[in-house]
Structures are given as structure tokens and as C-alpha cells.
PDB file of N, CA and C in Angstrom:
ATOM      1  N   MET A   1     185.209 159.117   9.026  1.00  0.00           N
ATOM      2  CA  MET A   1     184.251 158.188   8.477  1.00  0.00           C
ATOM      3  C   MET A   1     183.204 157.869   9.537  1.00  0.00           C
ATOM      4  N   LYS A   2     181.994 158.002   9.191  1.00  0.00           N
ATOM      5  CA  LYS A   2     180.890 157.789  10.121  1.00  0.00           C
ATOM      6  C   LYS A   2     180.479 156.321  10.085  1.00  0.00           C
ATOM      7  N   ARG A   3     180.348 155.736  11.272  1.00  0.00           N
ATOM      8  CA  ARG A   3     179.926 154.328  11.318  1.00  0.00           C
ATOM      9  C   ARG A   3     178.416 154.236  11.172  1.00  0.00           C
ATOM     10  N   PRO A   4     177.922 153.097  10.673  1.00  0.00           N
ATOM     11  CA  PRO A   4     176.474 152.960  10.450  1.00  0.00           C
ATOM     12  C   PRO A   4     175.712 152.851  11.767  1.00  0.00           C
ATOM     13  N   TYR A   5     174.489 153.281  11.752  1.00  0.00           N
ATOM     14  CA  TYR A   5     173.616 153.208  12.929  1.00  0.00           C
ATOM     15  C   TYR A   5     173.187 151.754  13.114  1.00  0.00           C
ATOM     16  N   ASN A   6     173.341 151.233  14.342  1.00  0.00           N
ATOM     17  CA  ASN A   6     173.068 149.826  14.634  1.00  0.00           C
ATOM     18  C   ASN A   6     171.677 149.587  15.204  1.00  0.00           C
ATOM     19  N   GLY A   7     170.872 150.571  15.266  1.00  0.00           N
ATOM     20  CA  GLY A   7     169.540 150.405  15.840  1.00  0.00           C
ATOM     21  C   GLY A   7     169.540 150.743  17.310  1.00  0.00           C
ATOM     22  N   ARG A   8     168.372 150.809  17.880  1.00  0.00           N
ATOM     23  CA  ARG A   8     168.308 151.189  19.288  1.00  0.00           C
ATOM     24  C   ARG A   8     168.310 149.963  20.200  1.00  0.00           C
ATOM     25  N   CYS A   9     168.635 150.194  21.458  1.00  0.00           N
ATOM     26  CA  CYS A   9     168.747 149.157  22.492  1.00  0.00           C
ATOM     27  C   CYS A   9     167.431 148.407  22.650  1.00  0.00           C
ATOM     28  N   HIS A  10     167.522 147.107  22.828  1.00  0.00           N
ATOM     29  CA  HIS A  10     166.329 146.264  22.999  1.00  0.00           C
ATOM     30  C   HIS A  10     166.096 145.906  24.466  1.00  0.00           C
ATOM     31  N   TYR A  11     166.449 146.816  25.367  1.00  0.00           N
ATOM     32  CA  TYR A  11     166.247 146.536  26.791  1.00  0.00           C
ATOM     33  C   TYR A  11     164.772 146.266  27.053  1.00  0.00           C
ATOM     34  N   LYS A  12     164.486 145.412  28.030  1.00  0.00           N
ATOM     35  CA  LYS A  12     163.123 144.897  28.220  1.00  0.00           C
ATOM     36  C   LYS A  12     162.063 145.971  28.493  1.00  0.00           C
ATOM     37  N   THR A  13     162.473 147.129  28.996  1.00  0.00           N
ATOM     38  CA  THR A  13     161.469 148.175  29.225  1.00  0.00           C
ATOM     39  C   THR A  13     161.006 148.784  27.906  1.00  0.00           C
ATOM     40  N   GLY A  14     161.864 148.707  26.884  1.00  0.00           N
ATOM     41  CA  GLY A  14     161.508 149.249  25.583  1.00  0.00           C
ATOM     42  C   GLY A  14     161.605 150.753  25.490  1.00  0.00           C
ATOM     43  N   LYS A  15     162.188 151.413  26.507  1.00  0.00           N
ATOM     44  CA  LYS A  15     162.222 152.877  26.517  1.00  0.00           C
ATOM     45  C   LYS A  15     163.631 153.436  26.354  1.00  0.00           C
ATOM     46  N   CYS A  16     164.594 152.582  26.037  1.00  0.00           N
ATOM     47  CA  CYS A  16     165.968 153.057  25.885  1.00  0.00           C
ATOM     48  C   CYS A  16     166.206 153.416  24.416  1.00  0.00           C
ATOM     49  N   PHE A  17     166.670 154.640  24.195  1.00  0.00           N
ATOM     50  CA  PHE A  17     166.913 155.097  22.825  1.00  0.00           C
ATOM     51  C   PHE A  17     168.399 155.102  22.477  1.00  0.00           C
ATOM     52  N   ASN A  18     169.242 154.525  23.352  1.00  0.00           N
ATOM     53  CA  ASN A  18     170.679 154.457  23.067  1.00  0.00           C
ATOM     54  C   ASN A  18     170.937 153.481  21.921  1.00  0.00           C
ATOM     55  N   GLU A  19     172.064 153.683  21.258  1.00  0.00           N
ATOM     56  CA  GLU A  19     172.441 152.799  20.159  1.00  0.00           C
ATOM     57  C   GLU A  19     172.992 151.486  20.720  1.00  0.00           C
ATOM     58  N   ARG A  20     172.752 150.405  20.012  1.00  0.00           N
ATOM     59  CA  ARG A  20     173.229 149.088  20.440  1.00  0.00           C
ATOM     60  C   ARG A  20     174.756 149.044  20.401  1.00  0.00           C
ATOM     61  N   ALA A  21     175.348 148.308  21.339  1.00  0.00           N
ATOM     62  CA  ALA A  21     176.804 148.152  21.401  1.00  0.00           C
ATOM     63  C   ALA A  21     177.256 147.186  20.311  1.00  0.00           C
ATOM     64  N   LEU A  22     178.556 147.264  19.982  1.00  0.00           N
ATOM     65  CA  LEU A  22     179.116 146.377  18.960  1.00  0.00           C
ATOM     66  C   LEU A  22     179.871 145.221  19.591  1.00  0.00           C
ATOM     67  N   LYS A  23     179.763 144.063  18.990  1.00  0.00           N
ATOM     68  CA  LYS A  23     180.529 142.891  19.413  1.00  0.00           C
ATOM     69  C   LYS A  23     181.942 143.008  18.850  1.00  0.00           C
ATOM     70  N   ARG A  24     182.838 142.119  19.260  1.00  0.00           N
ATOM     71  CA  ARG A  24     184.214 142.134  18.763  1.00  0.00           C
ATOM     72  C   ARG A  24     184.269 141.885  17.257  1.00  0.00           C
ATOM     73  N   ASN A  25     183.322 141.075  16.777  1.00  0.00           N
ATOM     74  CA  ASN A  25     183.335 140.753  15.345  1.00  0.00           C
ATOM     75  C   ASN A  25     182.653 141.828  14.497  1.00  0.00           C
ATOM     76  N   GLY A  26     182.201 142.898  15.109  1.00  0.00           N
ATOM     77  CA  GLY A  26     181.626 144.013  14.374  1.00  0.00           C
ATOM     78  C   GLY A  26     180.115 144.012  14.273  1.00  0.00           C
ATOM     79  N   THR A  27     179.465 142.929  14.665  1.00  0.00           N
ATOM     80  CA  THR A  27     178.001 142.902  14.621  1.00  0.00           C
ATOM     81  C   THR A  27     177.438 143.558  15.877  1.00  0.00           C
ATOM     82  N   ALA A  28     176.169 143.877  15.847  1.00  0.00           N
ATOM     83  CA  ALA A  28     175.548 144.611  16.954  1.00  0.00           C
ATOM     84  C   ALA A  28     175.006 143.667  18.026  1.00  0.00           C
ATOM     85  N   HIS A  29     175.263 144.035  19.301  1.00  0.00           N
ATOM     86  CA  HIS A  29     174.604 143.367  20.425  1.00  0.00           C
ATOM     87  C   HIS A  29     173.144 143.790  20.416  1.00  0.00           C
ATOM     88  N   SER A  30     172.345 143.167  21.253  1.00  0.00           N
ATOM     89  CA  SER A  30     170.944 143.590  21.329  1.00  0.00           C
ATOM     90  C   SER A  30     170.750 144.739  22.316  1.00  0.00           C
ATOM     91  N   LEU A  31     171.748 145.004  23.181  1.00  0.00           N
ATOM     92  CA  LEU A  31     171.632 146.055  24.199  1.00  0.00           C
ATOM     93  C   LEU A  31     172.699 147.121  24.006  1.00  0.00           C
ATOM     94  N   CYS A  32     172.464 148.283  24.599  1.00  0.00           N
ATOM     95  CA  CYS A  32     173.485 149.336  24.621  1.00  0.00           C
ATOM     96  C   CYS A  32     174.507 148.992  25.709  1.00  0.00           C
ATOM     97  N   GLU A  33     175.641 149.716  25.755  1.00  0.00           N
ATOM     98  CA  GLU A  33     176.703 149.433  26.735  1.00  0.00           C
ATOM     99  C   GLU A  33     176.189 149.521  28.171  1.00  0.00           C
ATOM    100  N   GLU A  34     175.424 150.550  28.472  1.00  0.00           N
ATOM    101  CA  GLU A  34     174.910 150.748  29.835  1.00  0.00           C
ATOM    102  C   GLU A  34     174.056 149.555  30.277  1.00  0.00           C
ATOM    103  N   HIS A  35     173.138 149.138  29.432  1.00  0.00           N
ATOM    104  CA  HIS A  35     172.256 148.033  29.800  1.00  0.00           C
ATOM    105  C   HIS A  35     172.978 146.684  29.769  1.00  0.00           C
ATOM    106  N   ARG A  36     173.988 146.543  28.927  1.00  0.00           N
ATOM    107  CA  ARG A  36     174.795 145.311  28.941  1.00  0.00           C
ATOM    108  C   ARG A  36     175.518 145.182  30.274  1.00  0.00           C
ATOM    109  N   ARG A  37     176.134 146.286  30.741  1.00  0.00           N
ATOM    110  CA  ARG A  37     176.832 146.271  32.026  1.00  0.00           C
ATOM    111  C   ARG A  37     175.871 145.902  33.156  1.00  0.00           C
ATOM    112  N   ARG A  38     174.709 146.549  33.168  1.00  0.00           N
ATOM    113  CA  ARG A  38     173.705 146.293  34.202  1.00  0.00           C
ATOM    114  C   ARG A  38     173.237 144.832  34.150  1.00  0.00           C
ATOM    115  N   GLN A  39     172.954 144.347  32.955  1.00  0.00           N
ATOM    116  CA  GLN A  39     172.468 142.972  32.791  1.00  0.00           C
ATOM    117  C   GLN A  39     173.529 141.953  33.217  1.00  0.00           C
ATOM    118  N   ASN A  40     174.799 142.239  32.904  1.00  0.00           N
ATOM    119  CA  ASN A  40     175.881 141.336  33.319  1.00  0.00           C
ATOM    120  C   ASN A  40     176.002 141.280  34.838  1.00  0.00           C
ATOM    121  N   LEU A  41     175.860 142.423  35.513  1.00  0.00           N
ATOM    122  CA  LEU A  41     175.899 142.434  36.983  1.00  0.00           C
ATOM    123  C   LEU A  41     174.757 141.600  37.563  1.00  0.00           C
ATOM    124  N   ILE A  42     173.568 141.788  37.008  1.00  0.00           N
ATOM    125  CA  ILE A  42     172.403 141.030  37.482  1.00  0.00           C
ATOM    126  C   ILE A  42     172.630 139.533  37.272  1.00  0.00           C
ATOM    127  N   GLN A  43     173.172 139.168  36.114  1.00  0.00           N
ATOM    128  CA  GLN A  43     173.412 137.753  35.810  1.00  0.00           C
ATOM    129  C   GLN A  43     174.451 137.152  36.752  1.00  0.00           C
ATOM    130  N   ARG A  44     175.528 137.885  37.022  1.00  0.00           N
ATOM    131  CA  ARG A  44     176.556 137.377  37.945  1.00  0.00           C
ATOM    132  C   ARG A  44     175.983 137.176  39.345  1.00  0.00           C
ATOM    133  N   ARG A  45     175.186 138.138  39.801  1.00  0.00           N
ATOM    134  CA  ARG A  45     174.546 138.028  41.115  1.00  0.00           C
ATOM    135  C   ARG A  45     173.647 136.790  41.165  1.00  0.00           C
ATOM    136  N   SER A  46     172.881 136.600  40.124  1.00  0.00           N
ATOM    137  CA  SER A  46     171.981 135.450  40.038  1.00  0.00           C
ATOM    138  C   SER A  46     172.769 134.137  40.042  1.00  0.00           C
ATOM    139  N   ASP A  47     173.878 134.112  39.302  1.00  0.00           N
ATOM    140  CA  ASP A  47     174.713 132.904  39.250  1.00  0.00           C
ATOM    141  C   ASP A  47     175.300 132.572  40.616  1.00  0.00           C
ATOM    142  N   ARG A  48     175.777 133.601  41.338  1.00  0.00           N
ATOM    143  CA  ARG A  48     176.331 133.362  42.680  1.00  0.00           C
ATOM    144  C   ARG A  48     175.271 132.793  43.617  1.00  0.00           C
ATOM    145  N   LYS A  49     174.076 133.362  43.559  1.00  0.00           N
ATOM    146  CA  LYS A  49     172.973 132.886  44.399  1.00  0.00           C
ATOM    147  C   LYS A  49     172.639 131.435  44.059  1.00  0.00           C
ATOM    148  N   TYR A  50     172.549 131.133  42.773  1.00  0.00           N
ATOM    149  CA  TYR A  50     172.244 129.772  42.312  1.00  0.00           C
ATOM    150  C   TYR A  50     173.308 128.792  42.808  1.00  0.00           C
ATOM    151  N   GLN A  51     174.587 129.170  42.661  1.00  0.00           N
ATOM    152  CA  GLN A  51     175.680 128.303  43.099  1.00  0.00           C
ATOM    153  C   GLN A  51     175.621 128.071  44.608  1.00  0.00           C
ATOM    154  N   LYS A  52     175.321 129.113  45.366  1.00  0.00           N
ATOM    155  CA  LYS A  52     175.250 129.003  46.824  1.00  0.00           C
ATOM    156  C   LYS A  52     174.132 128.049  47.242  1.00  0.00           C
ATOM    157  N   VAL A  53     172.951 128.229  46.677  1.00  0.00           N
ATOM    158  CA  VAL A  53     171.799 127.387  47.013  1.00  0.00           C
ATOM    159  C   VAL A  53     172.077 125.936  46.640  1.00  0.00           C
ATOM    160  N   HIS A  54     172.626 125.724  45.451  1.00  0.00           N
ATOM    161  CA  HIS A  54     172.869 124.355  45.010  1.00  0.00           C
ATOM    162  C   HIS A  54     174.033 123.707  45.751  1.00  0.00           C
ATOM    163  N   ALA A  55     175.000 124.504  46.211  1.00  0.00           N
ATOM    164  CA  ALA A  55     176.083 123.954  47.019  1.00  0.00           C
ATOM    165  C   ALA A  55     175.524 123.435  48.340  1.00  0.00           C
ATOM    166  N   ILE A  56     174.596 124.171  48.936  1.00  0.00           N
ATOM    167  CA  ILE A  56     173.969 123.734  50.190  1.00  0.00           C
ATOM    168  C   ILE A  56     173.198 122.446  49.956  1.00  0.00           C
ATOM    169  N   ARG A  57     172.406 122.402  48.893  1.00  0.00           N
ATOM    170  CA  ARG A  57     171.642 121.186  48.582  1.00  0.00           C
ATOM    171  C   ARG A  57     172.567 120.004  48.318  1.00  0.00           C
ATOM    172  N   ARG A  58     173.669 120.263  47.595  1.00  0.00           N
ATOM    173  CA  ARG A  58     174.616 119.196  47.283  1.00  0.00           C
ATOM    174  C   ARG A  58     175.246 118.652  48.567  1.00  0.00           C
ATOM    175  N   ARG A  59     175.618 119.565  49.490  1.00  0.00           N
ATOM    176  CA  ARG A  59     176.215 119.158  50.761  1.00  0.00           C
ATOM    177  C   ARG A  59     175.228 118.324  51.581  1.00  0.00           C
ATOM    178  N   GLU A  60     173.969 118.773  51.640  1.00  0.00           N
ATOM    179  CA  GLU A  60     172.943 118.024  52.378  1.00  0.00           C
ATOM    180  C   GLU A  60     172.744 116.641  51.772  1.00  0.00           C
ATOM    181  N   ARG A  61     172.732 116.568  50.445  1.00  0.00           N
ATOM    182  CA  ARG A  61     172.529 115.287  49.768  1.00  0.00           C
ATOM    183  C   ARG A  61     173.683 114.322  50.077  1.00  0.00           C
ATOM    184  N   THR A  62     174.931 114.816  50.054  1.00  0.00           N
ATOM    185  CA  THR A  62     176.061 113.932  50.335  1.00  0.00           C
ATOM    186  C   THR A  62     176.045 113.467  51.787  1.00  0.00           C
ATOM    187  N   GLN A  63     175.672 114.353  52.711  1.00  0.00           N
ATOM    188  CA  GLN A  63     175.583 113.943  54.115  1.00  0.00           C
ATOM    189  C   GLN A  63     174.503 112.888  54.304  1.00  0.00           C
ATOM    190  N   ARG A  64     173.370 113.063  53.628  1.00  0.00           N
ATOM    191  CA  ARG A  64     172.285 112.087  53.716  1.00  0.00           C
ATOM    192  C   ARG A  64     172.740 110.730  53.161  1.00  0.00           C
ATOM    193  N   LEU A  65     173.455 110.748  52.049  1.00  0.00           N
ATOM    194  CA  LEU A  65     173.954 109.503  51.455  1.00  0.00           C
ATOM    195  C   LEU A  65     174.972 108.828  52.372  1.00  0.00           C
ATOM    196  N   LYS A  66     175.849 109.623  52.999  1.00  0.00           N
ATOM    197  CA  LYS A  66     176.835 109.051  53.920  1.00  0.00           C
ATOM    198  C   LYS A  66     176.146 108.361  55.092  1.00  0.00           C
ATOM    199  N   ARG A  67     175.088 109.002  55.629  1.00  0.00           N
ATOM    200  CA  ARG A  67     174.348 108.380  56.736  1.00  0.00           C
ATOM    201  C   ARG A  67     173.719 107.067  56.292  1.00  0.00           C
ATOM    202  N   GLN A  68     173.131 107.060  55.090  1.00  0.00           N
ATOM    203  CA  GLN A  68     172.495 105.841  54.584  1.00  0.00           C
ATOM    204  C   GLN A  68     173.525 104.732  54.416  1.00  0.00           C
ATOM    205  N   VAL A  69     174.693 105.073  53.882  1.00  0.00           N
ATOM    206  CA  VAL A  69     175.739 104.076  53.676  1.00  0.00           C
ATOM    207  C   VAL A  69     176.219 103.535  55.011  1.00  0.00           C
ATOM    208  N   SER A  70     176.442 104.410  55.992  1.00  0.00           N
ATOM    209  CA  SER A  70     176.932 103.941  57.287  1.00  0.00           C
ATOM    210  C   SER A  70     175.887 103.064  57.984  1.00  0.00           C
ATOM    211  N   LEU A  71     174.603 103.392  57.840  1.00  0.00           N
ATOM    212  CA  LEU A  71     173.555 102.544  58.415  1.00  0.00           C
ATOM    213  C   LEU A  71     173.527 101.184  57.729  1.00  0.00           C
ATOM    214  N   THR A  72     173.691 101.170  56.423  1.00  0.00           N
ATOM    215  CA  THR A  72     173.701  99.913  55.674  1.00  0.00           C
ATOM    216  C   THR A  72     174.883  99.056  56.095  1.00  0.00           C
ATOM    217  N   VAL A  73     176.052  99.659  56.225  1.00  0.00           N
ATOM    218  CA  VAL A  73     177.245  98.922  56.645  1.00  0.00           C
ATOM    219  C   VAL A  73     177.051  98.379  58.055  1.00  0.00           C
ATOM    220  N   ALA A  74     176.478  99.178  58.948  1.00  0.00           N
ATOM    221  CA  ALA A  74     176.236  98.719  60.321  1.00  0.00           C
ATOM    222  C   ALA A  74     175.278  97.533  60.330  1.00  0.00           C
ATOM    223  N   ARG A  75     174.225  97.599  59.512  1.00  0.00           N
ATOM    224  CA  ARG A  75     173.289  96.463  59.426  1.00  0.00           C
ATOM    225  C   ARG A  75     173.982  95.211  58.906  1.00  0.00           C
ATOM    226  N   GLN A  76     174.824  95.372  57.898  1.00  0.00           N
ATOM    227  CA  GLN A  76     175.532  94.223  57.339  1.00  0.00           C
ATOM    228  C   GLN A  76     176.462  93.601  58.375  1.00  0.00           C
ATOM    229  N   LEU A  77     177.170  94.437  59.132  1.00  0.00           N
ATOM    230  CA  LEU A  77     178.050  93.915  60.178  1.00  0.00           C
ATOM    231  C   LEU A  77     177.249  93.182  61.245  1.00  0.00           C
ATOM    232  N   GLN A  78     176.114  93.744  61.618  1.00  0.00           N
ATOM    233  CA  GLN A  78     175.267  93.108  62.619  1.00  0.00           C
ATOM    234  C   GLN A  78     174.774  91.755  62.113  1.00  0.00           C
ATOM    235  N   GLN A  79     174.370  91.685  60.851  1.00  0.00           N
ATOM    236  CA  GLN A  79     173.908  90.419  60.281  1.00  0.00           C
ATOM    237  C   GLN A  79     175.030  89.394  60.249  1.00  0.00           C
ATOM    238  N   GLN A  80     176.250  89.829  59.920  1.00  0.00           N
ATOM    239  CA  GLN A  80     177.390  88.913  59.910  1.00  0.00           C
ATOM    240  C   GLN A  80     177.653  88.371  61.313  1.00  0.00           C
ATOM    241  N   GLN A  81     177.583  89.244  62.312  1.00  0.00           N
ATOM    242  CA  GLN A  81     177.811  88.801  63.687  1.00  0.00           C
ATOM    243  C   GLN A  81     176.729  87.819  64.125  1.00  0.00           C
ATOM    244  N   LEU A  82     175.474  88.101  63.743  1.00  0.00           N
ATOM    245  CA  LEU A  82     174.391  87.182  64.089  1.00  0.00           C
ATOM    246  C   LEU A  82     174.586  85.831  63.416  1.00  0.00           C
ATOM    247  N   LYS A  83     175.039  85.828  62.168  1.00  0.00           N
ATOM    248  CA  LYS A  83     175.298  84.569  61.464  1.00  0.00           C
ATOM    249  C   LYS A  83     176.409  83.789  62.151  1.00  0.00           C
ATOM    250  N   LYS A  84     177.489  84.490  62.533  1.00  0.00           N
ATOM    251  CA  LYS A  84     178.598  83.826  63.227  1.00  0.00           C
ATOM    252  C   LYS A  84     178.116  83.228  64.544  1.00  0.00           C
ATOM    253  N   PHE A  85     177.306  83.995  65.271  1.00  0.00           N
ATOM    254  CA  PHE A  85     176.786  83.507  66.543  1.00  0.00           C
ATOM    255  C   PHE A  85     175.910  82.281  66.324  1.00  0.00           C
ATOM    256  N   ALA A  86     175.040  82.337  65.309  1.00  0.00           N
ATOM    257  CA  ALA A  86     174.163  81.202  65.012  1.00  0.00           C
ATOM    258  C   ALA A  86     174.979  79.986  64.610  1.00  0.00           C
ATOM    259  N   MET A  87     176.034  80.184  63.831  1.00  0.00           N
ATOM    260  CA  MET A  87     176.894  79.069  63.419  1.00  0.00           C
ATOM    261  C   MET A  87     177.613  78.484  64.626  1.00  0.00           C
ATOM    262  N   SER A  88     178.045  79.330  65.554  1.00  0.00           N
ATOM    263  CA  SER A  88     178.735  78.820  66.740  1.00  0.00           C
ATOM    264  C   SER A  88     177.768  78.032  67.621  1.00  0.00           C
ATOM    265  N   GLN A  89     176.487  78.354  67.576  1.00  0.00           N
ATOM    266  CA  GLN A  89     175.491  77.599  68.327  1.00  0.00           C
ATOM    267  C   GLN A  89     175.307  76.207  67.735  1.00  0.00           C
ATOM    268  N   ARG A  90     175.326  76.119  66.420  1.00  0.00           N
ATOM    269  CA  ARG A  90     175.134  74.830  65.752  1.00  0.00           C
ATOM    270  C   ARG A  90     176.380  73.966  65.818  1.00  0.00           C
ATOM    271  N   ASN A  91     177.539  74.583  65.673  1.00  0.00           N
ATOM    272  CA  ASN A  91     178.803  73.851  65.637  1.00  0.00           C
ATOM    273  C   ASN A  91     179.724  74.370  66.731  1.00  0.00           C
ATOM    274  N   PRO A  92     179.632  73.835  67.970  1.00  0.00           N
ATOM    275  CA  PRO A  92     180.519  74.317  69.032  1.00  0.00           C
ATOM    276  C   PRO A  92     181.965  73.950  68.704  1.00  0.00           C
ATOM    277  N   PRO A  93     182.921  74.743  69.156  1.00  0.00           N
ATOM    278  CA  PRO A  93     184.332  74.463  68.854  1.00  0.00           C
ATOM    279  C   PRO A  93     184.758  73.130  69.449  1.00  0.00           C
ATOM    280  N   GLN A  94     185.585  72.394  68.723  1.00  0.00           N
ATOM    281  CA  GLN A  94     186.109  71.109  69.166  1.00  0.00           C
ATOM    282  C   GLN A  94     187.518  71.328  69.690  1.00  0.00           C
ATOM    283  N   GLY A  95     187.811  70.835  70.879  1.00  0.00           N
ATOM    284  CA  GLY A  95     189.148  70.962  71.438  1.00  0.00           C
ATOM    285  C   GLY A  95     189.304  72.253  72.219  1.00  0.00           C
ATOM    286  N   PRO A  96     190.444  72.386  72.935  1.00  0.00           N
ATOM    287  CA  PRO A  96     190.668  73.580  73.767  1.00  0.00           C
ATOM    288  C   PRO A  96     190.871  74.826  72.907  1.00  0.00           C
ATOM    289  N   GLU A  97     190.441  75.947  73.454  1.00  0.00           N
ATOM    290  CA  GLU A  97     190.602  77.237  72.793  1.00  0.00           C
ATOM    291  C   GLU A  97     192.044  77.697  72.954  1.00  0.00           C
ATOM    292  N   VAL A  98     192.560  78.396  71.966  1.00  0.00           N
ATOM    293  CA  VAL A  98     193.919  78.906  72.017  1.00  0.00           C
ATOM    294  C   VAL A  98     194.021  80.032  73.040  1.00  0.00           C
ATOM    295  N   ASN A  99     193.002  80.864  73.147  1.00  0.00           N
ATOM    296  CA  ASN A  99     193.026  82.011  74.056  1.00  0.00           C
ATOM    297  C   ASN A  99     192.539  81.664  75.455  1.00  0.00           C
ATOM    298  N   ASN A 100     192.280  80.429  75.729  1.00  0.00           N
ATOM    299  CA  ASN A 100     191.741  80.016  77.018  1.00  0.00           C
ATOM    300  C   ASN A 100     192.830  80.118  78.083  1.00  0.00           C
ATOM    301  N   VAL A 101     192.567  80.833  79.155  1.00  0.00           N
ATOM    302  CA  VAL A 101     193.538  81.034  80.223  1.00  0.00           C
ATOM    303  C   VAL A 101     193.306  79.988  81.305  1.00  0.00           C
ATOM    304  N   GLY A 102     194.370  79.375  81.773  1.00  0.00           N
ATOM    305  CA  GLY A 102     194.264  78.425  82.874  1.00  0.00           C
ATOM    306  C   GLY A 102     193.913  77.021  82.428  1.00  0.00           C
ATOM    307  N   GLY A 103     193.721  76.775  81.187  1.00  0.00           N
ATOM    308  CA  GLY A 103     193.463  75.434  80.694  1.00  0.00           C
ATOM    309  C   GLY A 103     192.042  74.958  80.864  1.00  0.00           C
ATOM    310  N   ALA A 104     191.168  75.749  81.472  1.00  0.00           N
ATOM    311  CA  ALA A 104     189.785  75.312  81.667  1.00  0.00           C
ATOM    312  C   ALA A 104     189.035  75.420  80.355  1.00  0.00           C
ATOM    313  N   MET A 105     188.094  74.532  80.158  1.00  0.00           N
ATOM    314  CA  MET A 105     187.279  74.548  78.946  1.00  0.00           C
ATOM    315  C   MET A 105     186.229  75.653  79.074  1.00  0.00           C
ATOM    316  N   PRO A 106     185.935  76.339  78.021  1.00  0.00           N
ATOM    317  CA  PRO A 106     184.906  77.379  78.089  1.00  0.00           C
ATOM    318  C   PRO A 106     183.524  76.764  78.248  1.00  0.00           C
ATOM    319  N   ALA A 107     182.646  77.514  78.888  1.00  0.00           N
ATOM    320  CA  ALA A 107     181.275  77.042  79.066  1.00  0.00           C
ATOM    321  C   ALA A 107     180.568  77.081  77.723  1.00  0.00           C
ATOM    322  N   ARG A 108     179.722  76.102  77.493  1.00  0.00           N
ATOM    323  CA  ARG A 108     178.961  76.086  76.247  1.00  0.00           C
ATOM    324  C   ARG A 108     177.845  77.121  76.355  1.00  0.00           C
ATOM    325  N   VAL A 109     177.712  77.912  75.326  1.00  0.00           N
ATOM    326  CA  VAL A 109     176.696  78.958  75.321  1.00  0.00           C
ATOM    327  C   VAL A 109     175.394  78.359  74.825  1.00  0.00           C
ATOM    328  N   THR A 110     174.383  78.488  75.660  1.00  0.00           N
ATOM    329  CA  THR A 110     173.043  78.042  75.274  1.00  0.00           C
ATOM    330  C   THR A 110     172.138  79.256  75.339  1.00  0.00           C
ATOM    331  N   PRO A 111     170.959  79.179  74.731  1.00  0.00           N
ATOM    332  CA  PRO A 111     170.077  80.354  74.754  1.00  0.00           C
ATOM    333  C   PRO A 111     169.778  80.867  76.153  1.00  0.00           C
ATOM    334  N   GLY A 112     169.812  80.013  77.161  1.00  0.00           N
ATOM    335  CA  GLY A 112     169.505  80.443  78.525  1.00  0.00           C
ATOM    336  C   GLY A 112     170.636  81.175  79.205  1.00  0.00           C
ATOM    337  N   ASN A 113     171.884  80.916  78.799  1.00  0.00           N
ATOM    338  CA  ASN A 113     172.997  81.532  79.521  1.00  0.00           C
ATOM    339  C   ASN A 113     173.817  82.494  78.662  1.00  0.00           C
ATOM    340  N   VAL A 114     173.233  83.044  77.619  1.00  0.00           N
ATOM    341  CA  VAL A 114     173.945  84.010  76.790  1.00  0.00           C
ATOM    342  C   VAL A 114     174.219  85.249  77.619  1.00  0.00           C
ATOM    343  N   GLY A 115     175.460  85.668  77.647  1.00  0.00           N
ATOM    344  CA  GLY A 115     175.822  86.883  78.355  1.00  0.00           C
ATOM    345  C   GLY A 115     176.056  86.675  79.841  1.00  0.00           C
ATOM    346  N   VAL A 116     175.900  85.471  80.359  1.00  0.00           N
ATOM    347  CA  VAL A 116     176.107  85.199  81.777  1.00  0.00           C
ATOM    348  C   VAL A 116     177.569  84.829  81.979  1.00  0.00           C
ATOM    349  N   ALA A 117     178.213  85.501  82.907  1.00  0.00           N
ATOM    350  CA  ALA A 117     179.618  85.221  83.174  1.00  0.00           C
ATOM    351  C   ALA A 117     179.720  83.980  84.048  1.00  0.00           C
ATOM    352  N   ARG A 118     180.694  83.119  83.747  1.00  0.00           N
ATOM    353  CA  ARG A 118     180.920  81.925  84.561  1.00  0.00           C
ATOM    354  C   ARG A 118     182.363  81.924  85.033  1.00  0.00           C
ATOM    355  N   SER A 119     182.567  81.442  86.200  1.00  0.00           N
ATOM    356  CA  SER A 119     183.940  81.319  86.689  1.00  0.00           C
ATOM    357  C   SER A 119     184.295  79.842  86.702  1.00  0.00           C
ATOM    358  N   PHE A 120     185.525  79.567  86.391  1.00  0.00           N
ATOM    359  CA  PHE A 120     186.002  78.188  86.358  1.00  0.00           C
ATOM    360  C   PHE A 120     186.917  77.980  87.560  1.00  0.00           C
ATOM    361  N   VAL A 121     186.408  77.267  88.543  1.00  0.00           N
ATOM    362  CA  VAL A 121     187.165  76.999  89.762  1.00  0.00           C
ATOM    363  C   VAL A 121     187.402  75.501  89.821  1.00  0.00           C
ATOM    364  N   SER A 122     188.639  75.127  89.983  1.00  0.00           N
ATOM    365  CA  SER A 122     188.930  73.686  90.049  1.00  0.00           C
ATOM    366  C   SER A 122     188.650  73.177  91.459  1.00  0.00           C
ATOM    367  N   ASP A 123     188.191  71.938  91.528  1.00  0.00           N
ATOM    368  CA  ASP A 123     187.846  71.331  92.819  1.00  0.00           C
ATOM    369  C   ASP A 123     189.049  70.572  93.369  1.00  0.00           C
ATOM    370  N   GLY A 124     190.120  71.086  93.400  1.00  0.00           N
ATOM    371  CA  GLY A 124     191.131  70.212  93.751  1.00  0.00           C
ATOM    372  C   GLY A 124     192.198  70.477  94.585  1.00  0.00           C
TER     373      GLY A 124
END
């Protein structure tokens, strides 16, 4: 039994006279077997290239976002520390410090002596 002619291949050059391949359901593809194989290889190559390029872009984007987040967190921590420092300037601690060694009272921090080390020597 002779199968019906499915028409010629619709490859983009328009010069292929091969018969179109059949799909599993019996209908005709638009290309012949040779051009389908070639087109599938080209498509797979293109897909791999696309995935590679976009993976690089995705990685760069996530690294950029991580840097932005870490900078934001660092700024927030710095602001919290500045607020704590400002609050300690307004409200100095009352009573002896728990971590104070030797029982001496800590020096009061004023804008002029920030960061200056003081020694507590008893006169006695």
C-alpha cells in the first residue's frame, strides 16, 4: 500500500524537494527528516548559549543584590550604634558599672574626650 504524498519540505531556503516527515499522530511536519535533525541541533545549540548567557547575568544580579543588602545592613548597624552613643551622651549610666574593674567609676564621655584613654589611679 502506497502512502500519500505529504508535500515537499518547507525549509527556509525553499530549495529542498524532499518529502515532509510524519508526526507520531500521522500528520505531516513542515520539514523533511534531514532538515528537522539539522534544525533541532541548531535549536539545542542556541538554547545552551541562551542558558549560559542568562546564568551569568543571573549570577551577577544576585551578587549585586547581596552587596546592596550587606551595605544596607551595615548602614543600619552604624545608625543603631550612633543612636546608642547619642542616648548614652544624654543619659549617663547611674551607679557603678558591672564590668568596671577595680571599683573605679568610669570617666564621663564628653565630645572633647571621645576615644581618649584614661587611667584611674587612686591617691592613697
